[in-house]
Amino acid sequence: MNKLLVIDGMALLFRHFFATSFRNQFMYNNKKIPTNGIQGTIRHIYKIIEMDEPTNVIVTWDMGSKTVRNEWFNNYKIDRPAPPEELVPQFDYVKEILAELGFFQIGVVGYEADDIIGTLAKHHNNITIISGDRDLLQVLAPGVNLWLTKKGYTEYNKYTEASFIEEYGVTPEQFIDVKALMGDSGDGYFGVKGIGEKTAFNLIKKYGSIENLLENIDTCTPSQKRNIENDMEHLLMSQKLARIITDVPFDIEEALKLSPFVYNEALTMDVLNAHDLSISRKYIERLEL
């Protein structure tokens, strides 16, 4: 079976943009386009490939700020700040460069990159996912590994289904209900007010699911019962929003057919030079690809 590497492109682009932009290091190329996020993303991708040795590589992207979740809940991600002006031109430019480098990329209008990743994970059981988004912990399964970015290009918090269960005491599927109870302020939904991460985990460990929790709500503490009943509508919506979609409409077999990774050093250097990227030849040559 193909060994698939799936990369959350937006997570890497934002990560490397902000890693340098706070020092105003925007690395403009000869077209006067800032490339700091792009250069970090490309370096990172090649380093991951060296470490994981995949046969296939897919880079996934969000496609705009609106998804089906905004149809379910108007305030979904409503408080996300607009991206800095130096980052905006890098969104399309990084995709252009990655395409020239031979990487298969996919984004589906109305869905998030997480949903594409979740769909791939549901249908392929030899996969490594690279992201900074803990929401993806819910897609862990036999043969599905998640590497959450930690530091630099080589340090990750690496999870398998077994290591996640051992660390958190719940299954990846149950993690959805944990998220529903505690909410996600970054995504604009708050779950149940008064229930934080620790309590959410404890409740799901005890009851197994939100459905079982609601059936036995009289056994909760008075404050927990009151808070849950007061926020019942938000809880059920949060449960829906927290679940990664795993049936995004795209051709998975076609994606696998188009995504084999073949390293071509001459092509790589030609593309980097054509876009005036300062990723050094020495960096590329040091990689064992």
Protein backbone atom coordinates (compact mmCIF):
# COMPACT_ATOMS: atom_id res chain seq x y z
CA MET A 1 0.00 0.00 0.00
CA ASN A 2 1.14 3.54 -0.73
CA LYS A 3 2.63 5.38 2.23
CA LEU A 4 0.79 8.68 2.23
CA LEU A 5 1.99 11.96 3.72
CA VAL A 6 -0.76 14.56 4.10
CA ILE A 7 0.25 18.11 4.92
CA ASP A 8 -1.96 20.90 6.28
CA GLY A 9 -0.57 23.60 4.02
CA MET A 10 -2.20 26.55 5.73
CA ALA A 11 -0.92 25.44 9.13
CA LEU A 12 2.67 25.44 7.86
CA LEU A 13 2.29 28.72 5.96
CA PHE A 14 0.89 30.57 9.00
CA ARG A 15 3.45 28.95 11.30
CA HIS A 16 6.44 30.04 9.27
CA PHE A 17 5.06 33.46 8.44
CA PHE A 18 4.61 34.39 12.08
CA ALA A 19 7.89 32.74 13.10
CA THR A 20 9.75 35.43 11.16
CA SER A 21 7.30 38.31 10.71
CA PHE A 22 7.46 39.37 14.35
CA ARG A 23 11.01 40.49 13.52
CA ASN A 24 9.77 42.05 10.27
CA GLN A 25 11.70 39.49 8.22
CA PHE A 26 9.51 39.30 5.13
CA MET A 27 12.26 38.22 2.65
CA TYR A 28 10.92 40.00 -0.44
CA ASN A 29 11.92 38.42 -3.73
CA ASN A 30 12.81 40.25 -6.94
CA LYS A 31 9.09 40.56 -7.74
CA LYS A 32 8.69 42.45 -4.46
CA ILE A 33 6.50 39.68 -3.03
CA PRO A 34 7.12 38.70 0.62
CA THR A 35 8.19 35.05 0.79
CA ASN A 36 8.98 34.33 4.44
CA GLY A 37 5.98 32.01 4.93
CA ILE A 38 6.58 30.32 1.58
CA GLN A 39 10.25 29.63 2.23
CA GLY A 40 9.58 28.13 5.64
CA THR A 41 6.76 26.00 4.25
CA ILE A 42 8.90 24.58 1.44
CA ARG A 43 11.82 23.86 3.74
CA HIS A 44 9.46 22.15 6.16
CA ILE A 45 7.83 19.98 3.51
CA TYR A 46 11.14 18.70 2.20
CA LYS A 47 12.37 17.96 5.71
CA ILE A 48 9.20 16.02 6.55
CA ILE A 49 9.62 13.97 3.38
CA GLU A 50 13.19 13.16 4.37
CA MET A 51 12.02 12.04 7.82
CA ASP A 52 8.88 10.07 6.85
CA GLU A 53 9.93 8.68 3.44
CA PRO A 54 6.43 8.62 1.89
CA THR A 55 5.57 7.30 -1.54
CA ASN A 56 2.81 9.88 -1.98
CA VAL A 57 2.45 13.48 -0.79
CA ILE A 58 -0.76 15.54 -0.70
CA VAL A 59 -0.85 19.17 0.44
CA THR A 60 -4.30 20.28 1.59
CA TRP A 61 -5.70 23.81 1.72
CA ASP A 62 -8.65 25.73 3.10
CA MET A 63 -10.62 27.38 0.31
CA GLY A 64 -11.80 30.76 1.61
CA SER A 65 -13.18 31.78 4.96
CA LYS A 66 -16.69 30.34 4.54
CA THR A 67 -17.55 26.65 4.86
CA VAL A 68 -20.63 24.53 5.45
CA ARG A 69 -20.14 25.19 9.18
CA ASN A 70 -21.01 28.85 8.61
CA GLU A 71 -24.36 27.66 7.25
CA TRP A 72 -24.90 25.73 10.48
CA PHE A 73 -23.64 28.47 12.79
CA ASN A 74 -23.26 32.11 11.74
CA ASN A 75 -20.58 32.90 14.31
CA TYR A 76 -18.25 30.09 13.30
CA LYS A 77 -14.71 31.55 13.26
CA ILE A 78 -16.26 35.02 13.14
CA ASP A 79 -13.61 36.53 15.39
CA ARG A 80 -10.62 35.37 13.36
CA PRO A 81 -8.53 38.46 12.56
CA ALA A 82 -7.80 39.32 8.95
CA PRO A 83 -4.40 38.02 7.80
CA PRO A 84 -1.53 40.55 7.70
CA GLU A 85 -1.14 42.26 4.34
CA GLU A 86 2.30 40.69 3.84
CA LEU A 87 0.77 37.20 4.15
CA VAL A 88 -2.10 37.67 1.69
CA PRO A 89 -0.08 37.39 -1.56
CA GLN A 90 1.65 34.27 -0.23
CA PHE A 91 -1.59 32.24 -0.16
CA ASP A 92 -1.78 31.77 -3.94
CA TYR A 93 1.93 32.15 -4.58
CA VAL A 94 2.91 29.18 -2.40
CA LYS A 95 0.42 26.99 -4.28
CA GLU A 96 1.88 28.10 -7.60
CA ILE A 97 5.42 27.25 -6.50
CA LEU A 98 4.45 23.89 -4.97
CA ALA A 99 2.68 22.97 -8.21
CA GLU A 100 5.84 23.76 -10.17
CA LEU A 101 7.80 21.60 -7.73
CA GLY A 102 5.48 18.71 -8.59
CA PHE A 103 3.38 18.47 -5.44
CA PHE A 104 -0.26 17.40 -5.67
CA GLN A 105 -2.52 19.86 -3.84
CA ILE A 106 -6.21 19.82 -3.07
CA GLY A 107 -8.82 22.13 -1.60
CA VAL A 108 -12.59 21.81 -1.85
CA VAL A 109 -14.84 24.87 -1.68
CA GLY A 110 -17.10 24.77 1.38
CA TYR A 111 -14.80 22.52 3.39
CA GLU A 112 -11.75 22.97 5.56
CA ALA A 113 -8.39 21.29 5.06
CA ASP A 114 -9.18 19.27 8.20
CA ASP A 115 -12.18 17.77 6.42
CA ILE A 116 -10.10 16.72 3.42
CA ILE A 117 -7.53 15.23 5.79
CA GLY A 118 -10.26 13.42 7.72
CA THR A 119 -11.70 12.01 4.50
CA LEU A 120 -8.29 10.74 3.39
CA ALA A 121 -7.66 9.23 6.84
CA LYS A 122 -10.98 7.39 6.75
CA HIS A 123 -10.12 5.73 3.45
CA HIS A 124 -6.37 5.12 3.76
CA ASN A 125 -4.68 3.31 6.62
CA ASN A 126 -1.01 4.04 5.97
CA ILE A 127 -0.89 7.78 6.47
CA THR A 128 1.07 10.43 8.33
CA ILE A 129 -0.67 13.78 8.89
CA ILE A 130 1.29 16.98 9.53
CA SER A 131 -0.57 19.86 11.17
CA GLY A 132 -0.66 22.13 14.17
CA ASP A 133 -4.37 21.54 14.77
CA ARG A 134 -5.29 19.34 17.76
CA ASP A 135 -8.78 18.89 16.29
CA LEU A 136 -7.22 16.24 14.04
CA LEU A 137 -6.62 13.99 17.03
CA GLN A 138 -10.15 12.69 16.42
CA VAL A 139 -9.14 11.07 13.10
CA LEU A 140 -6.49 8.81 14.67
CA ALA A 141 -7.04 5.15 13.84
CA PRO A 142 -4.94 2.05 13.16
CA GLY A 143 -2.37 3.07 10.55
CA VAL A 144 -3.21 6.79 10.88
CA ASN A 145 -0.49 8.87 12.56
CA LEU A 146 -0.63 12.55 13.48
CA TRP A 147 2.46 14.71 13.89
CA LEU A 148 1.60 18.01 15.56
CA THR A 149 4.21 20.70 14.91
CA LYS A 150 6.20 21.59 18.00
CA LYS A 151 9.49 23.33 17.25
CA GLY A 152 11.43 24.06 14.11
CA TYR A 153 11.33 21.60 11.22
CA THR A 154 12.02 18.37 13.07
CA GLU A 155 10.27 18.36 16.46
CA TYR A 156 6.70 17.07 16.71
CA ASN A 157 4.24 15.68 19.20
CA LYS A 158 3.64 12.37 17.46
CA TYR A 159 0.41 10.47 18.05
CA THR A 160 -0.96 7.09 17.17
CA GLU A 161 -4.42 5.92 18.22
CA ALA A 162 -2.87 3.87 21.04
CA SER A 163 -0.63 6.66 22.35
CA PHE A 164 -3.54 9.12 22.31
CA ILE A 165 -5.75 6.78 24.34
CA GLU A 166 -2.93 6.14 26.78
CA GLU A 167 -2.27 9.86 27.27
CA TYR A 168 -5.82 11.18 27.41
CA GLY A 169 -7.92 8.23 28.60
CA VAL A 170 -10.54 8.65 25.86
CA THR A 171 -10.76 7.40 22.28
CA PRO A 172 -10.28 9.69 19.28
CA GLU A 173 -14.03 9.46 18.63
CA GLN A 174 -14.77 10.52 22.22
CA PHE A 175 -12.46 13.51 21.78
CA ILE A 176 -15.20 15.06 19.64
CA ASP A 177 -17.51 15.12 22.67
CA VAL A 178 -14.73 16.54 24.84
CA LYS A 179 -14.39 19.39 22.33
CA ALA A 180 -18.16 19.86 22.28
CA LEU A 181 -18.30 20.30 26.07
CA MET A 182 -15.29 22.60 26.40
CA GLY A 183 -15.86 24.53 23.17
CA ASP A 184 -13.24 26.17 21.02
CA SER A 185 -12.91 29.93 21.38
CA GLY A 186 -10.65 30.09 18.32
CA ASP A 187 -13.42 28.62 16.19
CA GLY A 188 -16.10 30.78 17.80
CA TYR A 189 -18.16 28.19 19.70
CA PHE A 190 -18.08 27.88 23.47
CA GLY A 191 -19.73 24.54 24.28
CA VAL A 192 -20.95 24.69 27.87
CA LYS A 193 -19.98 27.70 29.92
CA GLY A 194 -18.28 26.68 33.15
CA ILE A 195 -16.89 23.45 31.70
CA GLY A 196 -13.21 23.61 30.81
CA GLU A 197 -10.88 21.05 29.30
CA LYS A 198 -10.21 19.09 32.50
CA THR A 199 -13.89 18.75 33.41
CA ALA A 200 -14.82 17.89 29.83
CA PHE A 201 -12.32 15.04 29.77
CA ASN A 202 -13.50 13.77 33.16
CA LEU A 203 -17.15 13.80 32.10
CA ILE A 204 -16.50 11.84 28.92
CA LYS A 205 -14.28 9.38 30.77
CA LYS A 206 -17.13 8.83 33.23
CA TYR A 207 -20.12 8.80 30.88
CA GLY A 208 -18.54 7.75 27.58
CA SER A 209 -20.50 10.13 25.39
CA ILE A 210 -22.61 13.27 25.45
CA GLU A 211 -25.70 11.17 24.74
CA ASN A 212 -25.08 9.01 27.82
CA LEU A 213 -24.22 12.09 29.86
CA LEU A 214 -27.56 13.68 28.99
CA GLU A 215 -29.43 10.48 29.81
CA ASN A 216 -27.81 10.49 33.26
CA ILE A 217 -27.63 14.23 33.84
CA ASP A 218 -29.23 13.90 37.29
CA THR A 219 -26.04 12.18 38.50
CA CYS A 220 -23.91 15.22 37.63
CA THR A 221 -23.10 17.86 40.22
CA PRO A 222 -25.78 20.55 40.58
CA SER A 223 -23.62 23.17 38.88
CA GLN A 224 -22.71 20.86 36.00
CA LYS A 225 -26.36 19.93 35.49
CA ARG A 226 -27.42 23.58 35.55
CA ASN A 227 -24.71 24.67 33.12
CA ILE A 228 -25.41 21.86 30.68
CA GLU A 229 -29.17 22.45 30.72
CA ASN A 230 -28.69 26.19 30.26
CA ASP A 231 -26.37 25.67 27.28
CA MET A 232 -28.05 22.61 25.77
CA GLU A 233 -28.57 24.23 22.36
CA HIS A 234 -24.95 25.39 22.21
CA LEU A 235 -23.71 21.99 23.34
CA LEU A 236 -25.48 20.13 20.56
CA MET A 237 -24.32 22.66 17.97
CA SER A 238 -20.76 22.48 19.32
CA GLN A 239 -20.86 18.71 18.94
CA LYS A 240 -21.79 19.13 15.28
CA LEU A 241 -19.13 21.80 14.67
CA ALA A 242 -16.39 19.83 16.45
CA ARG A 243 -16.77 16.77 14.23
CA ILE A 244 -14.44 16.70 11.24
CA ILE A 245 -16.30 15.84 8.04
CA THR A 246 -15.05 12.57 6.54
CA ASP A 247 -17.05 12.39 3.31
CA VAL A 248 -15.83 15.45 1.40
CA PRO A 249 -16.79 15.04 -2.26
CA PHE A 250 -13.55 14.44 -4.13
CA ASP A 251 -12.06 11.45 -5.92
CA ILE A 252 -9.73 9.78 -3.40
CA GLU A 253 -8.40 7.23 -5.89
CA GLU A 254 -7.60 10.01 -8.34
CA ALA A 255 -5.81 11.96 -5.61
CA LEU A 256 -3.65 8.93 -4.82
CA LYS A 257 -2.96 8.41 -8.52
CA LEU A 258 -1.79 12.01 -8.94
CA SER A 259 0.27 12.31 -5.75
CA PRO A 260 3.38 10.07 -6.03
CA PHE A 261 6.46 11.97 -4.84
CA VAL A 262 9.52 11.86 -7.09
CA TYR A 263 12.39 14.13 -6.07
CA ASN A 264 14.18 15.94 -8.87
CA GLU A 265 17.04 18.07 -7.55
CA ALA A 266 17.63 19.96 -10.81
CA LEU A 267 13.93 20.85 -11.13
CA THR A 268 13.77 21.86 -7.49
CA MET A 269 16.69 24.27 -7.78
CA ASP A 270 15.39 25.69 -11.08
CA VAL A 271 12.00 26.46 -9.52
CA LEU A 272 13.49 27.99 -6.37
CA ASN A 273 15.86 30.14 -8.42
CA ALA A 274 13.10 31.20 -10.80
CA HIS A 275 11.13 32.60 -7.89
CA ASP A 276 14.20 34.11 -6.23
CA LEU A 277 13.80 32.04 -3.09
CA SER A 278 16.81 32.03 -0.81
CA ILE A 279 16.51 28.38 0.20
CA SER A 280 20.12 27.44 -0.31
CA ARG A 281 21.41 24.72 -2.59
CA LYS A 282 23.35 23.41 0.42
CA TYR A 283 20.08 22.95 2.35
CA ILE A 284 18.52 20.97 -0.49
CA GLU A 285 21.66 18.92 -1.12
CA ARG A 286 21.93 17.97 2.57
CA LEU A 287 18.51 16.33 2.48
CA GLU A 288 18.57 12.58 1.94
CA LEU A 289 15.81 12.39 -0.62
